Amino acid sequence: MILDRRVGSLAVASCVFEGSMYLFVFFWTPSLQDARTSVSSSGTESVLQYGLIFSCFMASMMLGSLLFNHMMNSKRLSQAQLLVYAFIVSALSFLTNVCFVNHEWVVFWMWCVFEVCVGIYYPCMGSLKGTIVEDGKRAATYSLMRLPLNVFVVGVLGLTGASSDAGICAPGQLQFIRDILQLS
């Protein structure tokens, strides 16, 4: 079943997108804090409103799910097309955050856009997996799909160079990603 081209495509899409969601969990706080301290003229760090920010992210994800329902009811796009657009927009929001990390509001709103894409991703991917993967082979197929995802996330987190005393990703470590983009 995993050799089926459609299942392989789902596995790659799942690996990359869900991997970026896991990376989002590690990077949203330091990226916003990094943007806040770079804008602060006094050099003192002011505390972010983490609860409010997280609530905005969850509201954005709900908006994405509502957008999915609207698009499916209006029959404007297929689930696969909507998923491709969500991938493109989420990639652009991730790149925008890397390039504009010094602008706190841009970073925040791009993370919200990413969360809208997450809200679109789950129902799209759930529907596609349900129609493509056979019932009897679902558990084994989904387990195999998790392996590259975990390798991807651990590999990227290993490249951040976070020290054990600074946590998984301390503010300022996003410079690594910006450096990689400039080398390309």
Protein backbone atom coordinates (compact mmCIF):
# COMPACT_ATOMS: atom_id res chain seq x y z
CA MET A 1 0.00 0.00 0.00
CA ILE A 2 2.83 2.44 0.81
CA LEU A 3 4.18 1.90 -2.71
CA ASP A 4 1.00 3.41 -4.16
CA ARG A 5 1.93 6.78 -5.65
CA ARG A 6 -1.04 8.54 -4.06
CA VAL A 7 -0.18 7.20 -0.61
CA GLY A 8 3.46 8.19 -1.15
CA SER A 9 2.36 11.71 -2.07
CA LEU A 10 0.23 11.89 1.06
CA ALA A 11 3.19 10.67 3.12
CA VAL A 12 5.52 13.34 1.75
CA ALA A 13 2.92 16.08 2.16
CA SER A 14 2.14 14.91 5.68
CA CYS A 15 5.84 14.74 6.59
CA VAL A 16 6.62 18.24 5.41
CA PHE A 17 3.49 20.01 6.64
CA GLU A 18 3.15 18.26 9.99
CA GLY A 19 6.89 18.69 10.47
CA SER A 20 6.48 22.42 9.95
CA MET A 21 3.64 22.38 12.49
CA TYR A 22 5.91 20.74 15.05
CA LEU A 23 8.64 23.24 14.28
CA PHE A 24 6.10 26.04 14.69
CA VAL A 25 5.55 24.84 18.27
CA PHE A 26 9.26 25.35 18.99
CA PHE A 27 9.79 28.55 16.99
CA TRP A 28 6.77 30.79 17.51
CA THR A 29 7.73 31.94 21.00
CA PRO A 30 11.39 32.72 20.28
CA SER A 31 10.56 34.38 16.96
CA LEU A 32 8.02 36.71 18.56
CA GLN A 33 10.31 37.41 21.51
CA ASP A 34 13.22 38.02 19.13
CA ALA A 35 11.08 40.48 17.16
CA ARG A 36 9.97 42.20 20.36
CA THR A 37 13.51 42.66 21.72
CA SER A 38 14.88 43.87 18.37
CA VAL A 39 12.22 46.60 18.24
CA SER A 40 12.62 47.60 21.89
CA SER A 41 14.77 50.72 22.04
CA SER A 42 15.66 50.32 25.70
CA GLY A 43 16.98 46.80 25.23
CA THR A 44 14.80 45.48 28.04
CA GLU A 45 12.59 42.55 27.22
CA SER A 46 8.89 43.07 27.77
CA VAL A 47 6.76 40.02 28.41
CA LEU A 48 4.60 38.72 25.59
CA GLN A 49 0.95 37.98 26.25
CA TYR A 50 1.32 34.24 25.57
CA GLY A 51 -2.28 33.36 26.44
CA LEU A 52 -3.70 35.98 24.12
CA ILE A 53 -1.31 35.04 21.33
CA PHE A 54 -2.12 31.34 21.66
CA SER A 55 -5.84 32.16 21.66
CA CYS A 56 -5.39 34.09 18.42
CA PHE A 57 -3.61 31.08 16.93
CA MET A 58 -6.45 28.76 17.92
CA ALA A 59 -9.03 31.20 16.52
CA SER A 60 -7.00 31.32 13.30
CA MET A 61 -7.01 27.53 13.09
CA MET A 62 -10.79 27.53 13.59
CA LEU A 63 -11.09 30.12 10.83
CA GLY A 64 -9.15 27.75 8.55
CA SER A 65 -11.59 24.93 9.30
CA LEU A 66 -14.51 27.24 8.55
CA LEU A 67 -12.81 28.28 5.33
CA PHE A 68 -12.43 24.60 4.40
CA ASN A 69 -16.16 24.03 4.99
CA HIS A 70 -17.06 27.09 2.95
CA MET A 71 -14.83 26.06 0.04
CA MET A 72 -16.16 22.49 0.02
CA ASN A 73 -19.79 23.66 0.17
CA SER A 74 -19.28 26.16 -2.64
CA LYS A 75 -17.50 23.53 -4.80
CA ARG A 76 -14.95 26.10 -5.95
CA LEU A 77 -11.92 23.89 -5.34
CA SER A 78 -11.31 20.22 -4.77
CA GLN A 79 -9.79 19.10 -1.49
CA ALA A 80 -6.47 18.40 -3.19
CA GLN A 81 -6.38 21.88 -4.78
CA LEU A 82 -7.24 23.56 -1.48
CA LEU A 83 -4.51 21.54 0.23
CA VAL A 84 -1.94 22.66 -2.35
CA TYR A 85 -2.93 26.29 -1.83
CA ALA A 86 -2.68 25.85 1.94
CA PHE A 87 0.84 24.42 1.48
CA ILE A 88 1.91 27.36 -0.66
CA VAL A 89 0.49 29.99 1.71
CA SER A 90 1.96 28.27 4.78
CA ALA A 91 5.39 28.09 3.14
CA LEU A 92 5.20 31.79 2.30
CA SER A 93 4.17 32.65 5.86
CA PHE A 94 7.10 30.64 7.24
CA LEU A 95 9.53 32.37 4.88
CA THR A 96 8.07 35.78 5.66
CA ASN A 97 8.67 35.14 9.36
CA VAL A 98 12.28 34.27 8.68
CA CYS A 99 12.85 37.34 6.51
CA PHE A 100 10.92 39.88 8.63
CA VAL A 101 11.76 38.64 12.11
CA ASN A 102 12.41 42.23 13.25
CA HIS A 103 8.78 43.28 12.73
CA GLU A 104 6.72 41.93 15.61
CA TRP A 105 3.30 42.44 14.01
CA VAL A 106 4.36 40.87 10.72
CA VAL A 107 5.70 37.84 12.58
CA PHE A 108 2.50 37.52 14.61
CA TRP A 109 0.15 37.81 11.65
CA MET A 110 2.18 35.43 9.53
CA TRP A 111 1.98 32.86 12.33
CA CYS A 112 -1.79 33.44 12.35
CA VAL A 113 -1.86 32.84 8.58
CA PHE A 114 0.10 29.64 9.13
CA GLU A 115 -2.49 28.54 11.71
CA VAL A 116 -5.28 29.22 9.19
CA CYS A 117 -3.46 26.81 6.87
CA VAL A 118 -3.29 24.25 9.70
CA GLY A 119 -7.06 24.59 10.08
CA ILE A 120 -7.44 23.85 6.37
CA TYR A 121 -4.88 21.03 6.42
CA TYR A 122 -6.50 18.70 8.94
CA PRO A 123 -9.91 18.27 7.28
CA CYS A 124 -8.33 18.14 3.80
CA MET A 125 -5.77 15.54 4.78
CA GLY A 126 -8.26 13.55 6.82
CA SER A 127 -10.65 13.34 3.87
CA LEU A 128 -7.91 12.44 1.40
CA LYS A 129 -6.41 9.79 3.68
CA GLY A 130 -9.88 8.34 4.25
CA THR A 131 -10.52 7.94 0.54
CA ILE A 132 -7.03 6.81 -0.52
CA VAL A 133 -5.84 4.51 2.26
CA GLU A 134 -7.67 1.19 2.56
CA ASP A 135 -9.46 0.48 5.84
CA GLY A 136 -7.58 -2.73 6.65
CA LYS A 137 -4.16 -1.17 6.12
CA ARG A 138 -4.74 2.23 7.71
CA ALA A 139 -2.92 1.70 11.01
CA ALA A 140 0.20 0.23 9.40
CA THR A 141 0.25 2.86 6.65
CA TYR A 142 -0.16 5.77 9.08
CA SER A 143 2.58 4.35 11.30
CA LEU A 144 4.96 4.19 8.34
CA MET A 145 4.03 7.76 7.43
CA ARG A 146 5.10 8.95 10.92
CA LEU A 147 8.65 7.66 10.62
CA PRO A 148 9.94 10.22 8.06
CA LEU A 149 8.02 12.95 9.92
CA ASN A 150 9.87 12.23 13.16
CA VAL A 151 13.22 11.99 11.38
CA PHE A 152 12.54 15.34 9.67
CA VAL A 153 11.64 17.13 12.91
CA VAL A 154 14.53 15.69 14.92
CA GLY A 155 16.93 16.50 12.07
CA VAL A 156 15.84 20.12 11.80
CA LEU A 157 15.83 20.63 15.56
CA GLY A 158 19.30 19.09 15.67
CA LEU A 159 20.48 21.73 13.21
CA THR A 160 19.30 24.65 15.35
CA GLY A 161 22.28 24.28 17.67
CA ALA A 162 20.24 24.87 20.80
CA SER A 163 22.21 24.39 23.97
CA SER A 164 20.73 22.37 26.79
CA ASP A 165 20.67 25.33 29.18
CA ALA A 166 18.91 27.64 26.70
CA GLY A 167 16.03 25.32 25.90
CA ILE A 168 15.15 23.92 22.51
CA CYS A 169 15.31 27.22 20.64
CA ALA A 170 16.42 30.35 22.41
CA PRO A 171 15.77 33.81 20.93
CA GLY A 172 18.40 34.65 18.36
CA GLN A 173 18.78 31.08 17.06
CA LEU A 174 16.47 31.82 14.14
CA GLN A 175 19.52 33.49 12.60
CA PHE A 176 20.57 29.97 11.57
CA ILE A 177 17.56 29.70 9.25
CA ARG A 178 18.16 33.17 7.81
CA ASP A 179 21.81 32.25 7.15
CA ILE A 180 20.78 29.10 5.28
CA LEU A 181 18.36 31.07 3.10
CA GLN A 182 21.07 33.56 2.22
CA LEU A 183 23.42 30.76 1.13
CA SER A 184 20.85 29.46 -1.36
